Amino acid sequence: MRMRVFAAAGLLAALLAAGCDSGPKTGEVTGTVTVDGQVPMNGSSISFIPTDGKSAQAGATLQDGKYTVKVAAGPCKVEIRVVELVGKARKPEHGPSAGEVIREIPLDKTEWTYEVKPGSQTKDWEVSKKK
């Protein structure tokens, strides 16, 4: 009888331990993006796309060049999009006031790879404008 109780307790402990570790591992990546050594305009973005085709992608809008992204651990394709101010829109006769006109800056490269590890990590990106 005692043997069955110990066996049942051992089986239950093994199942609970397996259940605690069954979720996908995630990593939190923080860092800075610079373009030719300069901080890009707020509104630029970075995206992490897991290459397994199963995990959700994650991204962030850059604020003063900085970002924080929580994404599934593993190899990721990284896309960086940088925008710049090109002027102000003229105020229409009716409707909202004039806004900023931005455009995406062509970069030498827009796609990179990065291996996201479980837990916190820092990854800075230096990108260049297309010449």
C-alpha atoms as a PDB file:
ATOM      1  CA  MET A   1       0.000   0.000   0.000  1.00  0.00           C
ATOM      2  CA  ARG A   2       2.799   2.379   0.956  1.00  0.00           C
ATOM      3  CA  MET A   3       4.532   1.640  -2.325  1.00  0.00           C
ATOM      4  CA  ARG A   4       1.465   2.755  -4.305  1.00  0.00           C
ATOM      5  CA  VAL A   5       1.242   6.035  -2.375  1.00  0.00           C
ATOM      6  CA  PHE A   6       4.932   6.812  -3.059  1.00  0.00           C
ATOM      7  CA  ALA A   7       4.543   5.848  -6.718  1.00  0.00           C
ATOM      8  CA  ALA A   8       1.440   8.048  -7.077  1.00  0.00           C
ATOM      9  CA  ALA A   9       3.177  10.962  -5.319  1.00  0.00           C
ATOM     10  CA  GLY A  10       6.213  10.585  -7.575  1.00  0.00           C
ATOM     11  CA  LEU A  11       4.046  10.503 -10.695  1.00  0.00           C
ATOM     12  CA  LEU A  12       2.129  13.598  -9.561  1.00  0.00           C
ATOM     13  CA  ALA A  13       5.374  15.488  -8.856  1.00  0.00           C
ATOM     14  CA  ALA A  14       6.731  14.563 -12.301  1.00  0.00           C
ATOM     15  CA  LEU A  15       3.544  15.742 -14.023  1.00  0.00           C
ATOM     16  CA  LEU A  16       3.540  19.034 -12.110  1.00  0.00           C
ATOM     17  CA  ALA A  17       7.200  19.658 -12.905  1.00  0.00           C
ATOM     18  CA  ALA A  18       6.624  18.960 -16.586  1.00  0.00           C
ATOM     19  CA  GLY A  19       3.613  21.297 -16.625  1.00  0.00           C
ATOM     20  CA  CYS A  20       5.613  24.168 -15.161  1.00  0.00           C
ATOM     21  CA  ASP A  21       8.165  24.058 -17.966  1.00  0.00           C
ATOM     22  CA  SER A  22       5.864  23.359 -20.897  1.00  0.00           C
ATOM     23  CA  GLY A  23       5.262  26.970 -21.995  1.00  0.00           C
ATOM     24  CA  PRO A  24       7.323  28.661 -24.668  1.00  0.00           C
ATOM     25  CA  LYS A  25      10.422  30.447 -23.422  1.00  0.00           C
ATOM     26  CA  THR A  26      10.597  34.158 -24.074  1.00  0.00           C
ATOM     27  CA  GLY A  27      13.324  36.728 -24.165  1.00  0.00           C
ATOM     28  CA  GLU A  28      13.173  40.442 -23.507  1.00  0.00           C
ATOM     29  CA  VAL A  29      15.453  42.332 -25.871  1.00  0.00           C
ATOM     30  CA  THR A  30      16.319  45.962 -25.174  1.00  0.00           C
ATOM     31  CA  GLY A  31      18.646  48.181 -27.116  1.00  0.00           C
ATOM     32  CA  THR A  32      19.254  51.216 -29.256  1.00  0.00           C
ATOM     33  CA  VAL A  33      19.083  51.741 -33.013  1.00  0.00           C
ATOM     34  CA  THR A  34      21.299  54.382 -34.627  1.00  0.00           C
ATOM     35  CA  VAL A  35      21.491  55.443 -38.267  1.00  0.00           C
ATOM     36  CA  ASP A  36      24.974  56.505 -39.359  1.00  0.00           C
ATOM     37  CA  GLY A  37      25.703  57.246 -35.686  1.00  0.00           C
ATOM     38  CA  GLN A  38      22.559  59.367 -35.189  1.00  0.00           C
ATOM     39  CA  VAL A  39      19.383  58.640 -33.222  1.00  0.00           C
ATOM     40  CA  PRO A  40      16.501  58.094 -35.689  1.00  0.00           C
ATOM     41  CA  MET A  41      13.239  59.987 -35.525  1.00  0.00           C
ATOM     42  CA  ASN A  42      10.611  58.770 -33.060  1.00  0.00           C
ATOM     43  CA  GLY A  43       8.153  56.628 -34.980  1.00  0.00           C
ATOM     44  CA  SER A  44      10.844  54.457 -36.531  1.00  0.00           C
ATOM     45  CA  SER A  45      10.394  50.772 -35.671  1.00  0.00           C
ATOM     46  CA  ILE A  46      11.991  47.384 -35.072  1.00  0.00           C
ATOM     47  CA  SER A  47      10.321  43.970 -35.494  1.00  0.00           C
ATOM     48  CA  PHE A  48      11.434  40.493 -34.417  1.00  0.00           C
ATOM     49  CA  ILE A  49       9.921  37.669 -36.505  1.00  0.00           C
ATOM     50  CA  PRO A  50      10.628  34.139 -35.198  1.00  0.00           C
ATOM     51  CA  THR A  51      11.813  31.892 -38.019  1.00  0.00           C
ATOM     52  CA  ASP A  52       9.986  28.826 -36.645  1.00  0.00           C
ATOM     53  CA  GLY A  53       6.793  30.048 -38.327  1.00  0.00           C
ATOM     54  CA  LYS A  54       4.790  29.246 -35.172  1.00  0.00           C
ATOM     55  CA  SER A  55       5.639  31.924 -32.618  1.00  0.00           C
ATOM     56  CA  ALA A  56       4.158  35.395 -32.742  1.00  0.00           C
ATOM     57  CA  GLN A  57       6.259  38.268 -33.996  1.00  0.00           C
ATOM     58  CA  ALA A  58       6.856  41.273 -31.751  1.00  0.00           C
ATOM     59  CA  GLY A  59       7.983  44.799 -32.362  1.00  0.00           C
ATOM     60  CA  ALA A  60       8.329  48.268 -30.931  1.00  0.00           C
ATOM     61  CA  THR A  61       8.229  51.870 -32.022  1.00  0.00           C
ATOM     62  CA  LEU A  62      11.555  53.554 -31.289  1.00  0.00           C
ATOM     63  CA  GLN A  63      11.602  56.356 -28.719  1.00  0.00           C
ATOM     64  CA  ASP A  64      14.869  58.303 -28.809  1.00  0.00           C
ATOM     65  CA  GLY A  65      16.317  55.295 -30.643  1.00  0.00           C
ATOM     66  CA  LYS A  66      15.524  52.900 -27.773  1.00  0.00           C
ATOM     67  CA  TYR A  67      13.310  49.816 -27.794  1.00  0.00           C
ATOM     68  CA  THR A  68      12.139  46.919 -25.619  1.00  0.00           C
ATOM     69  CA  VAL A  69      10.588  43.804 -27.159  1.00  0.00           C
ATOM     70  CA  LYS A  70       9.356  40.569 -25.577  1.00  0.00           C
ATOM     71  CA  VAL A  71       9.472  37.693 -28.081  1.00  0.00           C
ATOM     72  CA  ALA A  72       9.736  33.891 -28.194  1.00  0.00           C
ATOM     73  CA  ALA A  73      13.288  32.620 -27.710  1.00  0.00           C
ATOM     74  CA  GLY A  74      15.007  31.297 -30.814  1.00  0.00           C
ATOM     75  CA  PRO A  75      16.278  32.552 -34.149  1.00  0.00           C
ATOM     76  CA  CYS A  76      14.499  35.653 -35.463  1.00  0.00           C
ATOM     77  CA  LYS A  77      14.492  37.752 -38.573  1.00  0.00           C
ATOM     78  CA  VAL A  78      14.822  41.416 -37.542  1.00  0.00           C
ATOM     79  CA  GLU A  79      13.381  44.254 -39.606  1.00  0.00           C
ATOM     80  CA  ILE A  80      14.220  47.903 -38.956  1.00  0.00           C
ATOM     81  CA  ARG A  81      12.260  50.745 -40.526  1.00  0.00           C
ATOM     82  CA  VAL A  82      13.497  54.321 -40.124  1.00  0.00           C
ATOM     83  CA  VAL A  83      11.474  57.423 -40.940  1.00  0.00           C
ATOM     84  CA  GLU A  84      12.439  61.062 -41.356  1.00  0.00           C
ATOM     85  CA  LEU A  85      10.525  64.338 -41.407  1.00  0.00           C
ATOM     86  CA  VAL A  86      10.218  65.820 -44.886  1.00  0.00           C
ATOM     87  CA  GLY A  87       7.883  68.719 -44.137  1.00  0.00           C
ATOM     88  CA  LYS A  88       4.519  69.829 -42.875  1.00  0.00           C
ATOM     89  CA  ALA A  89       1.279  69.146 -44.658  1.00  0.00           C
ATOM     90  CA  ARG A  90      -0.673  72.195 -45.691  1.00  0.00           C
ATOM     91  CA  LYS A  91      -3.726  72.864 -43.606  1.00  0.00           C
ATOM     92  CA  PRO A  92      -6.854  71.919 -45.518  1.00  0.00           C
ATOM     93  CA  GLU A  93      -9.685  74.429 -45.696  1.00  0.00           C
ATOM     94  CA  HIS A  94     -11.817  72.188 -43.483  1.00  0.00           C
ATOM     95  CA  GLY A  95     -10.736  69.560 -41.009  1.00  0.00           C
ATOM     96  CA  PRO A  96      -7.753  68.943 -38.738  1.00  0.00           C
ATOM     97  CA  SER A  97      -4.681  71.146 -38.655  1.00  0.00           C
ATOM     98  CA  ALA A  98      -1.542  70.452 -40.634  1.00  0.00           C
ATOM     99  CA  GLY A  99       0.496  67.428 -39.656  1.00  0.00           C
ATOM    100  CA  GLU A 100       4.012  66.227 -40.194  1.00  0.00           C
ATOM    101  CA  VAL A 101       4.886  64.496 -43.446  1.00  0.00           C
ATOM    102  CA  ILE A 102       7.306  61.620 -42.973  1.00  0.00           C
ATOM    103  CA  ARG A 103       8.882  59.099 -45.313  1.00  0.00           C
ATOM    104  CA  GLU A 104      10.784  55.896 -44.830  1.00  0.00           C
ATOM    105  CA  ILE A 105      14.544  56.249 -45.256  1.00  0.00           C
ATOM    106  CA  PRO A 106      16.052  53.671 -47.611  1.00  0.00           C
ATOM    107  CA  LEU A 107      18.690  51.705 -45.689  1.00  0.00           C
ATOM    108  CA  ASP A 108      21.638  49.682 -47.026  1.00  0.00           C
ATOM    109  CA  LYS A 109      19.983  46.690 -45.395  1.00  0.00           C
ATOM    110  CA  THR A 110      16.549  46.303 -43.765  1.00  0.00           C
ATOM    111  CA  GLU A 111      16.705  42.701 -42.579  1.00  0.00           C
ATOM    112  CA  TRP A 112      19.024  41.067 -40.053  1.00  0.00           C
ATOM    113  CA  THR A 113      19.000  37.920 -37.908  1.00  0.00           C
ATOM    114  CA  TYR A 114      19.292  37.571 -34.149  1.00  0.00           C
ATOM    115  CA  GLU A 115      19.179  34.594 -31.777  1.00  0.00           C
ATOM    116  CA  VAL A 116      16.865  35.564 -28.901  1.00  0.00           C
ATOM    117  CA  LYS A 117      17.845  33.846 -25.653  1.00  0.00           C
ATOM    118  CA  PRO A 118      15.449  33.240 -22.752  1.00  0.00           C
ATOM    119  CA  GLY A 119      15.572  36.110 -20.231  1.00  0.00           C
ATOM    120  CA  SER A 120      16.836  39.679 -20.589  1.00  0.00           C
ATOM    121  CA  GLN A 121      19.455  40.750 -23.117  1.00  0.00           C
ATOM    122  CA  THR A 122      20.698  43.873 -24.868  1.00  0.00           C
ATOM    123  CA  LYS A 123      21.200  44.245 -28.610  1.00  0.00           C
ATOM    124  CA  ASP A 124      22.154  47.553 -30.232  1.00  0.00           C
ATOM    125  CA  TRP A 125      21.859  48.051 -34.004  1.00  0.00           C
ATOM    126  CA  GLU A 126      23.946  50.437 -36.126  1.00  0.00           C
ATOM    127  CA  VAL A 127      22.393  50.829 -39.558  1.00  0.00           C
ATOM    128  CA  SER A 128      23.385  52.939 -42.567  1.00  0.00           C
ATOM    129  CA  LYS A 129      21.422  54.939 -45.109  1.00  0.00           C
ATOM    130  CA  LYS A 130      21.495  53.598 -48.637  1.00  0.00           C
ATOM    131  CA  LYS A 131      24.057  55.521 -50.681  1.00  0.00           C
END
